[in-house]
Amino acid sequence: MADTGVYLLENGVHMLLWVGSQAPANFIRDVFGSQQVDTQVSELPELPNETNAAVREILEEARVMRRNAMRLTVMRQHDKLEAVLRHFLVEDRGVDGSASYVDYLCHVHKEIRALL
């Protein structure tokens, strides 16, 4: 994840918004209404700008697709909650049942060791 990025992770139960330490100041201001990321909010404020409306629409679409009211958790890069987000980041198997990237690397490693 890039320091300049903002990422949303949702899994049907949790909705986590991770804000990189170098995220653009104008994006932060437009979405949160101030220069600081407020990690205490469970909903984004409704502000009269396109960026805020777009981000709130993405959050709402995720909730509608899941048919759940997922609570939003906002976190900054290097917060203690970042470990929770990283716990949910896993390499998924391909849609055709193929191995994940980690499984592929392990397979290649075994093949190389067998050749040596």
PDB file of N, CA and C in Angstrom:
ATOM      1  N   MET A   1       0.855  -1.177   0.000  1.00  0.00           N
ATOM      2  CA  MET A   1       0.000   0.000   0.000  1.00  0.00           C
ATOM      3  C   MET A   1       0.896   1.235   0.000  1.00  0.00           C
ATOM      4  N   ALA A   2       0.551   2.168  -0.838  1.00  0.00           N
ATOM      5  CA  ALA A   2       1.357   3.374  -0.992  1.00  0.00           C
ATOM      6  C   ALA A   2       1.044   4.388   0.103  1.00  0.00           C
ATOM      7  N   ASP A   3       2.088   5.086   0.578  1.00  0.00           N
ATOM      8  CA  ASP A   3       1.914   6.127   1.598  1.00  0.00           C
ATOM      9  C   ASP A   3       0.978   7.232   1.137  1.00  0.00           C
ATOM     10  N   THR A   4       0.862   7.421  -0.167  1.00  0.00           N
ATOM     11  CA  THR A   4       0.032   8.489  -0.713  1.00  0.00           C
ATOM     12  C   THR A   4      -1.396   8.034  -0.983  1.00  0.00           C
ATOM     13  N   GLY A   5      -1.700   6.785  -0.694  1.00  0.00           N
ATOM     14  CA  GLY A   5      -3.005   6.230  -1.029  1.00  0.00           C
ATOM     15  C   GLY A   5      -4.006   6.246   0.109  1.00  0.00           C
ATOM     16  N   VAL A   6      -5.241   6.002  -0.281  1.00  0.00           N
ATOM     17  CA  VAL A   6      -6.349   5.810   0.658  1.00  0.00           C
ATOM     18  C   VAL A   6      -7.063   4.556   0.171  1.00  0.00           C
ATOM     19  N   TYR A   7      -7.250   3.577   1.067  1.00  0.00           N
ATOM     20  CA  TYR A   7      -7.784   2.287   0.666  1.00  0.00           C
ATOM     21  C   TYR A   7      -8.976   1.915   1.534  1.00  0.00           C
ATOM     22  N   LEU A   8      -9.941   1.253   0.915  1.00  0.00           N
ATOM     23  CA  LEU A   8     -11.110   0.755   1.621  1.00  0.00           C
ATOM     24  C   LEU A   8     -11.075  -0.759   1.585  1.00  0.00           C
ATOM     25  N   LEU A   9     -11.203  -1.377   2.748  1.00  0.00           N
ATOM     26  CA  LEU A   9     -11.310  -2.820   2.843  1.00  0.00           C
ATOM     27  C   LEU A   9     -12.643  -3.112   3.506  1.00  0.00           C
ATOM     28  N   GLU A  10     -13.453  -3.928   2.863  1.00  0.00           N
ATOM     29  CA  GLU A  10     -14.701  -4.359   3.486  1.00  0.00           C
ATOM     30  C   GLU A  10     -14.863  -5.840   3.246  1.00  0.00           C
ATOM     31  N   ASN A  11     -15.358  -6.533   4.261  1.00  0.00           N
ATOM     32  CA  ASN A  11     -15.508  -7.982   4.138  1.00  0.00           C
ATOM     33  C   ASN A  11     -16.905  -8.462   4.527  1.00  0.00           C
ATOM     34  N   GLY A  12     -17.864  -7.558   4.545  1.00  0.00           N
ATOM     35  CA  GLY A  12     -19.218  -7.927   4.924  1.00  0.00           C
ATOM     36  C   GLY A  12     -19.507  -7.695   6.389  1.00  0.00           C
ATOM     37  N   VAL A  13     -18.475  -7.626   7.193  1.00  0.00           N
ATOM     38  CA  VAL A  13     -18.617  -7.360   8.621  1.00  0.00           C
ATOM     39  C   VAL A  13     -17.940  -6.043   8.972  1.00  0.00           C
ATOM     40  N   HIS A  14     -16.731  -5.868   8.487  1.00  0.00           N
ATOM     41  CA  HIS A  14     -15.932  -4.682   8.779  1.00  0.00           C
ATOM     42  C   HIS A  14     -15.767  -3.834   7.528  1.00  0.00           C
ATOM     43  N   MET A  15     -15.743  -2.537   7.720  1.00  0.00           N
ATOM     44  CA  MET A  15     -15.436  -1.599   6.652  1.00  0.00           C
ATOM     45  C   MET A  15     -14.318  -0.708   7.191  1.00  0.00           C
ATOM     46  N   LEU A  16     -13.115  -0.894   6.667  1.00  0.00           N
ATOM     47  CA  LEU A  16     -11.932  -0.190   7.169  1.00  0.00           C
ATOM     48  C   LEU A  16     -11.403   0.761   6.107  1.00  0.00           C
ATOM     49  N   LEU A  17     -11.243   2.018   6.478  1.00  0.00           N
ATOM     50  CA  LEU A  17     -10.709   3.032   5.573  1.00  0.00           C
ATOM     51  C   LEU A  17      -9.324   3.402   6.077  1.00  0.00           C
ATOM     52  N   TRP A  18      -8.288   3.038   5.294  1.00  0.00           N
ATOM     53  CA  TRP A  18      -6.886   3.279   5.653  1.00  0.00           C
ATOM     54  C   TRP A  18      -6.406   4.495   4.888  1.00  0.00           C
ATOM     55  N   VAL A  19      -5.840   5.452   5.603  1.00  0.00           N
ATOM     56  CA  VAL A  19      -5.360   6.685   4.992  1.00  0.00           C
ATOM     57  C   VAL A  19      -3.848   6.740   5.142  1.00  0.00           C
ATOM     58  N   GLY A  20      -3.140   6.759   4.024  1.00  0.00           N
ATOM     59  CA  GLY A  20      -1.684   6.812   4.032  1.00  0.00           C
ATOM     60  C   GLY A  20      -1.159   8.103   4.638  1.00  0.00           C
ATOM     61  N   SER A  21       0.031   8.035   5.196  1.00  0.00           N
ATOM     62  CA  SER A  21       0.617   9.193   5.879  1.00  0.00           C
ATOM     63  C   SER A  21       0.902  10.357   4.937  1.00  0.00           C
ATOM     64  N   GLN A  22       1.024  10.085   3.647  1.00  0.00           N
ATOM     65  CA  GLN A  22       1.298  11.132   2.660  1.00  0.00           C
ATOM     66  C   GLN A  22       0.112  11.344   1.710  1.00  0.00           C
ATOM     67  N   ALA A  23      -1.089  10.983   2.158  1.00  0.00           N
ATOM     68  CA  ALA A  23      -2.283  11.185   1.324  1.00  0.00           C
ATOM     69  C   ALA A  23      -2.425  12.672   1.020  1.00  0.00           C
ATOM     70  N   PRO A  24      -2.881  13.012  -0.174  1.00  0.00           N
ATOM     71  CA  PRO A  24      -2.994  14.422  -0.560  1.00  0.00           C
ATOM     72  C   PRO A  24      -3.855  15.232   0.416  1.00  0.00           C
ATOM     73  N   ALA A  25      -3.328  16.373   0.818  1.00  0.00           N
ATOM     74  CA  ALA A  25      -4.021  17.223   1.799  1.00  0.00           C
ATOM     75  C   ALA A  25      -5.385  17.680   1.289  1.00  0.00           C
ATOM     76  N   ASN A  26      -5.491  17.967  -0.009  1.00  0.00           N
ATOM     77  CA  ASN A  26      -6.786  18.416  -0.534  1.00  0.00           C
ATOM     78  C   ASN A  26      -7.822  17.290  -0.489  1.00  0.00           C
ATOM     79  N   PHE A  27      -7.404  16.037  -0.680  1.00  0.00           N
ATOM     80  CA  PHE A  27      -8.316  14.906  -0.564  1.00  0.00           C
ATOM     81  C   PHE A  27      -8.802  14.778   0.880  1.00  0.00           C
ATOM     82  N   ILE A  28      -7.873  14.859   1.833  1.00  0.00           N
ATOM     83  CA  ILE A  28      -8.225  14.765   3.254  1.00  0.00           C
ATOM     84  C   ILE A  28      -9.214  15.866   3.619  1.00  0.00           C
ATOM     85  N   ARG A  29      -8.926  17.080   3.194  1.00  0.00           N
ATOM     86  CA  ARG A  29      -9.809  18.221   3.498  1.00  0.00           C
ATOM     87  C   ARG A  29     -11.192  18.017   2.874  1.00  0.00           C
ATOM     88  N   ASP A  30     -11.230  17.567   1.621  1.00  0.00           N
ATOM     89  CA  ASP A  30     -12.508  17.382   0.940  1.00  0.00           C
ATOM     90  C   ASP A  30     -13.346  16.263   1.546  1.00  0.00           C
ATOM     91  N   VAL A  31     -12.709  15.202   2.004  1.00  0.00           N
ATOM     92  CA  VAL A  31     -13.442  14.047   2.535  1.00  0.00           C
ATOM     93  C   VAL A  31     -13.788  14.213   4.013  1.00  0.00           C
ATOM     94  N   PHE A  32     -12.848  14.720   4.806  1.00  0.00           N
ATOM     95  CA  PHE A  32     -13.051  14.799   6.250  1.00  0.00           C
ATOM     96  C   PHE A  32     -13.444  16.193   6.748  1.00  0.00           C
ATOM     97  N   GLY A  33     -13.315  17.208   5.890  1.00  0.00           N
ATOM     98  CA  GLY A  33     -13.714  18.554   6.290  1.00  0.00           C
ATOM     99  C   GLY A  33     -12.679  19.293   7.104  1.00  0.00           C
ATOM    100  N   SER A  34     -11.482  18.735   7.235  1.00  0.00           N
ATOM    101  CA  SER A  34     -10.389  19.404   7.950  1.00  0.00           C
ATOM    102  C   SER A  34      -9.075  18.850   7.423  1.00  0.00           C
ATOM    103  N   GLN A  35      -7.981  19.388   7.901  1.00  0.00           N
ATOM    104  CA  GLN A  35      -6.660  18.926   7.470  1.00  0.00           C
ATOM    105  C   GLN A  35      -6.248  17.648   8.195  1.00  0.00           C
ATOM    106  N   GLN A  36      -6.984  17.262   9.227  1.00  0.00           N
ATOM    107  CA  GLN A  36      -6.670  16.081  10.026  1.00  0.00           C
ATOM    108  C   GLN A  36      -7.660  14.962   9.741  1.00  0.00           C
ATOM    109  N   VAL A  37      -7.183  13.730   9.773  1.00  0.00           N
ATOM    110  CA  VAL A  37      -8.044  12.562   9.635  1.00  0.00           C
ATOM    111  C   VAL A  37      -8.622  12.259  11.010  1.00  0.00           C
ATOM    112  N   ASP A  38      -9.942  12.316  11.115  1.00  0.00           N
ATOM    113  CA  ASP A  38     -10.607  12.029  12.384  1.00  0.00           C
ATOM    114  C   ASP A  38     -10.904  10.537  12.457  1.00  0.00           C
ATOM    115  N   THR A  39     -10.153   9.818  13.298  1.00  0.00           N
ATOM    116  CA  THR A  39     -10.333   8.371  13.405  1.00  0.00           C
ATOM    117  C   THR A  39     -11.454   8.001  14.364  1.00  0.00           C
ATOM    118  N   GLN A  40     -12.076   8.980  14.983  1.00  0.00           N
ATOM    119  CA  GLN A  40     -13.157   8.715  15.934  1.00  0.00           C
ATOM    120  C   GLN A  40     -14.524   8.634  15.266  1.00  0.00           C
ATOM    121  N   VAL A  41     -14.608   8.993  13.999  1.00  0.00           N
ATOM    122  CA  VAL A  41     -15.902   8.992  13.316  1.00  0.00           C
ATOM    123  C   VAL A  41     -16.271   7.596  12.841  1.00  0.00           C
ATOM    124  N   SER A  42     -17.569   7.317  12.810  1.00  0.00           N
ATOM    125  CA  SER A  42     -18.031   6.049  12.233  1.00  0.00           C
ATOM    126  C   SER A  42     -18.765   6.308  10.923  1.00  0.00           C
ATOM    127  N   GLU A  43     -18.916   7.562  10.563  1.00  0.00           N
ATOM    128  CA  GLU A  43     -19.475   7.988   9.280  1.00  0.00           C
ATOM    129  C   GLU A  43     -18.730   9.234   8.830  1.00  0.00           C
ATOM    130  N   LEU A  44     -18.600   9.396   7.536  1.00  0.00           N
ATOM    131  CA  LEU A  44     -17.957  10.596   7.016  1.00  0.00           C
ATOM    132  C   LEU A  44     -18.957  11.746   7.036  1.00  0.00           C
ATOM    133  N   PRO A  45     -18.476  12.961   7.293  1.00  0.00           N
ATOM    134  CA  PRO A  45     -19.393  14.102   7.258  1.00  0.00           C
ATOM    135  C   PRO A  45     -19.883  14.349   5.839  1.00  0.00           C
ATOM    136  N   GLU A  46     -21.086  14.883   5.729  1.00  0.00           N
ATOM    137  CA  GLU A  46     -21.627  15.220   4.412  1.00  0.00           C
ATOM    138  C   GLU A  46     -21.213  16.641   4.084  1.00  0.00           C
ATOM    139  N   LEU A  47     -20.336  16.773   3.092  1.00  0.00           N
ATOM    140  CA  LEU A  47     -19.791  18.077   2.713  1.00  0.00           C
ATOM    141  C   LEU A  47     -20.179  18.398   1.273  1.00  0.00           C
ATOM    142  N   PRO A  48     -20.287  19.676   0.937  1.00  0.00           N
ATOM    143  CA  PRO A  48     -20.730  20.068  -0.403  1.00  0.00           C
ATOM    144  C   PRO A  48     -19.606  20.077  -1.448  1.00  0.00           C
ATOM    145  N   ASN A  49     -19.003  18.903  -1.683  1.00  0.00           N
ATOM    146  CA  ASN A  49     -17.993  18.812  -2.745  1.00  0.00           C
ATOM    147  C   ASN A  49     -18.072  17.430  -3.388  1.00  0.00           C
ATOM    148  N   GLU A  50     -17.566  17.333  -4.612  1.00  0.00           N
ATOM    149  CA  GLU A  50     -17.673  16.101  -5.390  1.00  0.00           C
ATOM    150  C   GLU A  50     -16.884  14.943  -4.792  1.00  0.00           C
ATOM    151  N   THR A  51     -15.717  15.230  -4.231  1.00  0.00           N
ATOM    152  CA  THR A  51     -14.877  14.163  -3.667  1.00  0.00           C
ATOM    153  C   THR A  51     -15.579  13.498  -2.493  1.00  0.00           C
ATOM    154  N   ASN A  52     -16.126  14.312  -1.599  1.00  0.00           N
ATOM    155  CA  ASN A  52     -16.835  13.782  -0.438  1.00  0.00           C
ATOM    156  C   ASN A  52     -18.031  12.952  -0.884  1.00  0.00           C
ATOM    157  N   ALA A  53     -18.783  13.467  -1.840  1.00  0.00           N
ATOM    158  CA  ALA A  53     -19.956  12.736  -2.320  1.00  0.00           C
ATOM    159  C   ALA A  53     -19.558  11.409  -2.955  1.00  0.00           C
ATOM    160  N   ALA A  54     -18.459  11.394  -3.713  1.00  0.00           N
ATOM    161  CA  ALA A  54     -18.000  10.167  -4.372  1.00  0.00           C
ATOM    162  C   ALA A  54     -17.565   9.118  -3.351  1.00  0.00           C
ATOM    163  N   VAL A  55     -16.829   9.530  -2.335  1.00  0.00           N
ATOM    164  CA  VAL A  55     -16.365   8.580  -1.318  1.00  0.00           C
ATOM    165  C   VAL A  55     -17.550   8.038  -0.526  1.00  0.00           C
ATOM    166  N   ARG A  56     -18.475   8.909  -0.136  1.00  0.00           N
ATOM    167  CA  ARG A  56     -19.656   8.443   0.601  1.00  0.00           C
ATOM    168  C   ARG A  56     -20.509   7.511  -0.257  1.00  0.00           C
ATOM    169  N   GLU A  57     -20.561   7.756  -1.577  1.00  0.00           N
ATOM    170  CA  GLU A  57     -21.311   6.876  -2.471  1.00  0.00           C
ATOM    171  C   GLU A  57     -20.670   5.494  -2.554  1.00  0.00           C
ATOM    172  N   ILE A  58     -19.345   5.438  -2.588  1.00  0.00           N
ATOM    173  CA  ILE A  58     -18.640   4.144  -2.602  1.00  0.00           C
ATOM    174  C   ILE A  58     -18.957   3.356  -1.335  1.00  0.00           C
ATOM    175  N   LEU A  59     -18.930   4.038  -0.197  1.00  0.00           N
ATOM    176  CA  LEU A  59     -19.245   3.367   1.069  1.00  0.00           C
ATOM    177  C   LEU A  59     -20.679   2.844   1.068  1.00  0.00           C
ATOM    178  N   GLU A  60     -21.603   3.648   0.587  1.00  0.00           N
ATOM    179  CA  GLU A  60     -23.008   3.244   0.556  1.00  0.00           C
ATOM    180  C   GLU A  60     -23.237   2.084  -0.405  1.00  0.00           C
ATOM    181  N   GLU A  61     -22.584   2.111  -1.558  1.00  0.00           N
ATOM    182  CA  GLU A  61     -22.719   1.011  -2.520  1.00  0.00           C
ATOM    183  C   GLU A  61     -22.219  -0.301  -1.922  1.00  0.00           C
ATOM    184  N   ALA A  62     -21.134  -0.249  -1.171  1.00  0.00           N
ATOM    185  CA  ALA A  62     -20.615  -1.462  -0.522  1.00  0.00           C
ATOM    186  C   ALA A  62     -21.629  -1.997   0.477  1.00  0.00           C
ATOM    187  N   ARG A  63     -22.255  -1.110   1.213  1.00  0.00           N
ATOM    188  CA  ARG A  63     -23.264  -1.545   2.195  1.00  0.00           C
ATOM    189  C   ARG A  63     -24.484  -2.139   1.507  1.00  0.00           C
ATOM    190  N   VAL A  64     -24.920  -1.527   0.418  1.00  0.00           N
ATOM    191  CA  VAL A  64     -26.095  -2.025  -0.310  1.00  0.00           C
ATOM    192  C   VAL A  64     -25.802  -3.394  -0.912  1.00  0.00           C
ATOM    193  N   MET A  65     -24.620  -3.567  -1.485  1.00  0.00           N
ATOM    194  CA  MET A  65     -24.262  -4.851  -2.087  1.00  0.00           C
ATOM    195  C   MET A  65     -24.207  -5.958  -1.043  1.00  0.00           C
ATOM    196  N   ARG A  66     -23.763  -5.633   0.149  1.00  0.00           N
ATOM    197  CA  ARG A  66     -23.657  -6.638   1.222  1.00  0.00           C
ATOM    198  C   ARG A  66     -24.956  -6.798   1.999  1.00  0.00           C
ATOM    199  N   ARG A  67     -25.866  -5.858   1.820  1.00  0.00           N
ATOM    200  CA  ARG A  67     -27.138  -5.850   2.570  1.00  0.00           C
ATOM    201  C   ARG A  67     -26.906  -5.842   4.070  1.00  0.00           C
ATOM    202  N   ASN A  68     -25.844  -5.173   4.483  1.00  0.00           N
ATOM    203  CA  ASN A  68     -25.446  -5.046   5.893  1.00  0.00           C
ATOM    204  C   ASN A  68     -25.176  -3.594   6.198  1.00  0.00           C
ATOM    205  N   ALA A  69     -25.371  -3.221   7.414  1.00  0.00           N
ATOM    206  CA  ALA A  69     -24.945  -1.899   7.866  1.00  0.00           C
ATOM    207  C   ALA A  69     -23.577  -2.087   8.528  1.00  0.00           C
ATOM    208  N   MET A  70     -22.528  -1.995   7.732  1.00  0.00           N
ATOM    209  CA  MET A  70     -21.177  -2.163   8.262  1.00  0.00           C
ATOM    210  C   MET A  70     -20.706  -0.844   8.843  1.00  0.00           C
ATOM    211  N   ARG A  71     -20.163  -0.906  10.040  1.00  0.00           N
ATOM    212  CA  ARG A  71     -19.636   0.295  10.674  1.00  0.00           C
ATOM    213  C   ARG A  71     -18.293   0.651  10.048  1.00  0.00           C
ATOM    214  N   LEU A  72     -18.106   1.926   9.773  1.00  0.00           N
ATOM    215  CA  LEU A  72     -16.865   2.415   9.186  1.00  0.00           C
ATOM    216  C   LEU A  72     -15.837   2.659  10.285  1.00  0.00           C
ATOM    217  N   THR A  73     -14.638   2.147  10.091  1.00  0.00           N
ATOM    218  CA  THR A  73     -13.509   2.435  10.972  1.00  0.00           C
ATOM    219  C   THR A  73     -12.449   3.128  10.135  1.00  0.00           C
ATOM    220  N   VAL A  74     -12.068   4.326  10.555  1.00  0.00           N
ATOM    221  CA  VAL A  74     -11.054   5.104   9.843  1.00  0.00           C
ATOM    222  C   VAL A  74      -9.744   4.967  10.595  1.00  0.00           C
ATOM    223  N   MET A  75      -8.663   4.715   9.866  1.00  0.00           N
ATOM    224  CA  MET A  75      -7.354   4.600  10.504  1.00  0.00           C
ATOM    225  C   MET A  75      -6.295   5.278   9.656  1.00  0.00           C
ATOM    226  N   ARG A  76      -5.317   5.812  10.326  1.00  0.00           N
ATOM    227  CA  ARG A  76      -4.168   6.407   9.640  1.00  0.00           C
ATOM    228  C   ARG A  76      -3.054   5.372   9.560  1.00  0.00           C
ATOM    229  N   GLN A  77      -2.174   5.577   8.619  1.00  0.00           N
ATOM    230  CA  GLN A  77      -1.000   4.714   8.501  1.00  0.00           C
ATOM    231  C   GLN A  77      -0.213   4.791   9.802  1.00  0.00           C
ATOM    232  N   HIS A  78       0.267   3.676  10.281  1.00  0.00           N
ATOM    233  CA  HIS A  78       1.069   3.514  11.497  1.00  0.00           C
ATOM    234  C   HIS A  78       0.231   3.575  12.771  1.00  0.00           C
ATOM    235  N   ASP A  79      -1.105   3.642  12.674  1.00  0.00           N
ATOM    236  CA  ASP A  79      -1.954   3.538  13.869  1.00  0.00           C
ATOM    237  C   ASP A  79      -1.898   2.107  14.387  1.00  0.00           C
ATOM    238  N   LYS A  80      -2.279   1.928  15.640  1.00  0.00           N
ATOM    239  CA  LYS A  80      -2.327   0.579  16.199  1.00  0.00           C
ATOM    240  C   LYS A  80      -3.336  -0.307  15.466  1.00  0.00           C
ATOM    241  N   LEU A  81      -4.417   0.287  14.969  1.00  0.00           N
ATOM    242  CA  LEU A  81      -5.435  -0.484  14.261  1.00  0.00           C
ATOM    243  C   LEU A  81      -4.969  -1.011  12.916  1.00  0.00           C
ATOM    244  N   GLU A  82      -3.840  -0.539  12.442  1.00  0.00           N
ATOM    245  CA  GLU A  82      -3.340  -0.994  11.142  1.00  0.00           C
ATOM    246  C   GLU A  82      -3.112  -2.508  11.144  1.00  0.00           C
ATOM    247  N   ALA A  83      -2.779  -3.072  12.289  1.00  0.00           N
ATOM    248  CA  ALA A  83      -2.574  -4.516  12.388  1.00  0.00           C
ATOM    249  C   ALA A  83      -3.880  -5.269  12.090  1.00  0.00           C
ATOM    250  N   VAL A  84      -5.008  -4.695  12.483  1.00  0.00           N
ATOM    251  CA  VAL A  84      -6.308  -5.308  12.194  1.00  0.00           C
ATOM    252  C   VAL A  84      -6.524  -5.365  10.690  1.00  0.00           C
ATOM    253  N   LEU A  85      -6.237  -4.276  10.014  1.00  0.00           N
ATOM    254  CA  LEU A  85      -6.395  -4.230   8.563  1.00  0.00           C
ATOM    255  C   LEU A  85      -5.485  -5.258   7.896  1.00  0.00           C
ATOM    256  N   ARG A  86      -4.246  -5.309   8.299  1.00  0.00           N
ATOM    257  CA  ARG A  86      -3.288  -6.236   7.681  1.00  0.00           C
ATOM    258  C   ARG A  86      -3.689  -7.693   7.904  1.00  0.00           C
ATOM    259  N   HIS A  87      -4.377  -7.961   9.012  1.00  0.00           N
ATOM    260  CA  HIS A  87      -4.855  -9.319   9.295  1.00  0.00           C
ATOM    261  C   HIS A  87      -5.830  -9.789   8.203  1.00  0.00           C
ATOM    262  N   PHE A  88      -6.621  -8.855   7.678  1.00  0.00           N
ATOM    263  CA  PHE A  88      -7.615  -9.202   6.671  1.00  0.00           C
ATOM    264  C   PHE A  88      -7.044  -9.261   5.256  1.00  0.00           C
ATOM    265  N   LEU A  89      -5.827  -8.810   5.051  1.00  0.00           N
ATOM    266  CA  LEU A  89      -5.225  -8.838   3.723  1.00  0.00           C
ATOM    267  C   LEU A  89      -4.626 -10.211   3.472  1.00  0.00           C
ATOM    268  N   VAL A  90      -5.228 -10.949   2.570  1.00  0.00           N
ATOM    269  CA  VAL A  90      -4.753 -12.287   2.233  1.00  0.00           C
ATOM    270  C   VAL A  90      -4.736 -12.425   0.722  1.00  0.00           C
ATOM    271  N   GLU A  91      -3.913 -13.315   0.244  1.00  0.00           N
ATOM    272  CA  GLU A  91      -3.891 -13.632  -1.171  1.00  0.00           C
ATOM    273  C   GLU A  91      -5.012 -14.630  -1.434  1.00  0.00           C
ATOM    274  N   ASP A  92      -5.947 -14.240  -2.246  1.00  0.00           N
ATOM    275  CA  ASP A  92      -7.044 -15.142  -2.592  1.00  0.00           C
ATOM    276  C   ASP A  92      -6.635 -16.066  -3.723  1.00  0.00           C
ATOM    277  N   ARG A  93      -7.291 -17.198  -3.782  1.00  0.00           N
ATOM    278  CA  ARG A  93      -7.099 -18.094  -4.910  1.00  0.00           C
ATOM    279  C   ARG A  93      -7.753 -17.481  -6.135  1.00  0.00           C
ATOM    280  N   GLY A  94      -7.280 -17.884  -7.280  1.00  0.00           N
ATOM    281  CA  GLY A  94      -7.877 -17.396  -8.521  1.00  0.00           C
ATOM    282  C   GLY A  94      -9.295 -17.900  -8.680  1.00  0.00           C
ATOM    283  N   VAL A  95     -10.085 -17.250  -9.531  1.00  0.00           N
ATOM    284  CA  VAL A  95     -11.469 -17.663  -9.744  1.00  0.00           C
ATOM    285  C   VAL A  95     -11.558 -19.057 -10.363  1.00  0.00           C
ATOM    286  N   ASP A  96     -10.485 -19.480 -11.008  1.00  0.00           N
ATOM    287  CA  ASP A  96     -10.466 -20.822 -11.598  1.00  0.00           C
ATOM    288  C   ASP A  96      -9.897 -21.867 -10.645  1.00  0.00           C
ATOM    289  N   GLY A  97      -9.703 -21.491  -9.372  1.00  0.00           N
ATOM    290  CA  GLY A  97      -9.165 -22.426  -8.383  1.00  0.00           C
ATOM    291  C   GLY A  97      -7.655 -22.505  -8.377  1.00  0.00           C
ATOM    292  N   SER A  98      -7.004 -21.661  -9.180  1.00  0.00           N
ATOM    293  CA  SER A  98      -5.544 -21.680  -9.228  1.00  0.00           C
ATOM    294  C   SER A  98      -4.963 -21.195  -7.894  1.00  0.00           C
ATOM    295  N   ALA A  99      -3.706 -21.503  -7.699  1.00  0.00           N
ATOM    296  CA  ALA A  99      -3.042 -21.183  -6.435  1.00  0.00           C
ATOM    297  C   ALA A  99      -2.888 -19.674  -6.247  1.00  0.00           C
ATOM    298  N   SER A 100      -2.813 -19.270  -4.981  1.00  0.00           N
ATOM    299  CA  SER A 100      -2.535 -17.867  -4.688  1.00  0.00           C
ATOM    300  C   SER A 100      -1.072 -17.586  -5.018  1.00  0.00           C
ATOM    301  N   TYR A 101      -0.713 -16.324  -4.989  1.00  0.00           N
ATOM    302  CA  TYR A 101       0.661 -15.948  -5.298  1.00  0.00           C
ATOM    303  C   TYR A 101       1.629 -16.567  -4.294  1.00  0.00           C
ATOM    304  N   VAL A 102       1.261 -16.572  -3.020  1.00  0.00           N
ATOM    305  CA  VAL A 102       2.120 -17.161  -1.988  1.00  0.00           C
ATOM    306  C   VAL A 102       2.284 -18.657  -2.235  1.00  0.00           C
ATOM    307  N   ASP A 103       1.183 -19.339  -2.557  1.00  0.00           N
ATOM    308  CA  ASP A 103       1.271 -20.770  -2.868  1.00  0.00           C
ATOM    309  C   ASP A 103       2.169 -21.016  -4.075  1.00  0.00           C
ATOM    310  N   TYR A 104       2.047 -20.164  -5.082  1.00  0.00           N
ATOM    311  CA  TYR A 104       2.881 -20.278  -6.269  1.00  0.00           C
ATOM    312  C   TYR A 104       4.365 -20.124  -5.907  1.00  0.00           C
ATOM    313  N   LEU A 105       4.679 -19.119  -5.094  1.00  0.00           N
ATOM    314  CA  LEU A 105       6.074 -18.925  -4.685  1.00  0.00           C
ATOM    315  C   LEU A 105       6.605 -20.130  -3.908  1.00  0.00           C
ATOM    316  N   CYS A 106       5.790 -20.693  -3.037  1.00  0.00           N
ATOM    317  CA  CYS A 106       6.214 -21.886  -2.294  1.00  0.00           C
ATOM    318  C   CYS A 106       6.473 -23.056  -3.246  1.00  0.00           C
ATOM    319  N   HIS A 107       5.614 -23.206  -4.239  1.00  0.00           N
ATOM    320  CA  HIS A 107       5.789 -24.274  -5.225  1.00  0.00           C
ATOM    321  C   HIS A 107       7.103 -24.093  -5.986  1.00  0.00           C
ATOM    322  N   VAL A 108       7.366 -22.879  -6.441  1.00  0.00           N
ATOM    323  CA  VAL A 108       8.609 -22.600  -7.165  1.00  0.00           C
ATOM    324  C   VAL A 108       9.819 -22.878  -6.281  1.00  0.00           C
ATOM    325  N   HIS A 109       9.729 -22.481  -5.019  1.00  0.00           N
ATOM    326  CA  HIS A 109      10.830 -22.714  -4.082  1.00  0.00           C
ATOM    327  C   HIS A 109      11.098 -24.219  -3.937  1.00  0.00           C
ATOM    328  N   LYS A 110      10.047 -25.019  -3.804  1.00  0.00           N
ATOM    329  CA  LYS A 110      10.200 -26.471  -3.684  1.00  0.00           C
ATOM    330  C   LYS A 110      10.825 -27.057  -4.944  1.00  0.00           C
ATOM    331  N   GLU A 111      10.392 -26.564  -6.096  1.00  0.00           N
ATOM    332  CA  GLU A 111      10.942 -27.055  -7.366  1.00  0.00           C
ATOM    333  C   GLU A 111      12.438 -26.742  -7.471  1.00  0.00           C
ATOM    334  N   ILE A 112      12.810 -25.561  -7.073  1.00  0.00           N
ATOM    335  CA  ILE A 112      14.225 -25.170  -7.123  1.00  0.00           C
ATOM    336  C   ILE A 112      15.043 -26.037  -6.170  1.00  0.00           C
ATOM    337  N   ARG A 113      14.516 -26.246  -4.966  1.00  0.00           N
ATOM    338  CA  ARG A 113      15.237 -27.080  -3.993  1.00  0.00           C
ATOM    339  C   ARG A 113      15.379 -28.516  -4.505  1.00  0.00           C
ATOM    340  N   ALA A 114      14.359 -29.013  -5.208  1.00  0.00           N
ATOM    341  CA  ALA A 114      14.434 -30.378  -5.750  1.00  0.00           C
ATOM    342  C   ALA A 114      15.508 -30.471  -6.835  1.00  0.00           C
ATOM    343  N   LEU A 115      15.709 -29.397  -7.575  1.00  0.00           N
ATOM    344  CA  LEU A 115      16.737 -29.408  -8.611  1.00  0.00           C
ATOM    345  C   LEU A 115      18.150 -29.333  -8.034  1.00  0.00           C
ATOM    346  N   LEU A 116      18.291 -28.729  -6.873  1.00  0.00           N
ATOM    347  CA  LEU A 116      19.616 -28.617  -6.243  1.00  0.00           C
ATOM    348  C   LEU A 116      19.921 -29.863  -5.525  1.00  0.00           C
TER     349      LEU A 116
END
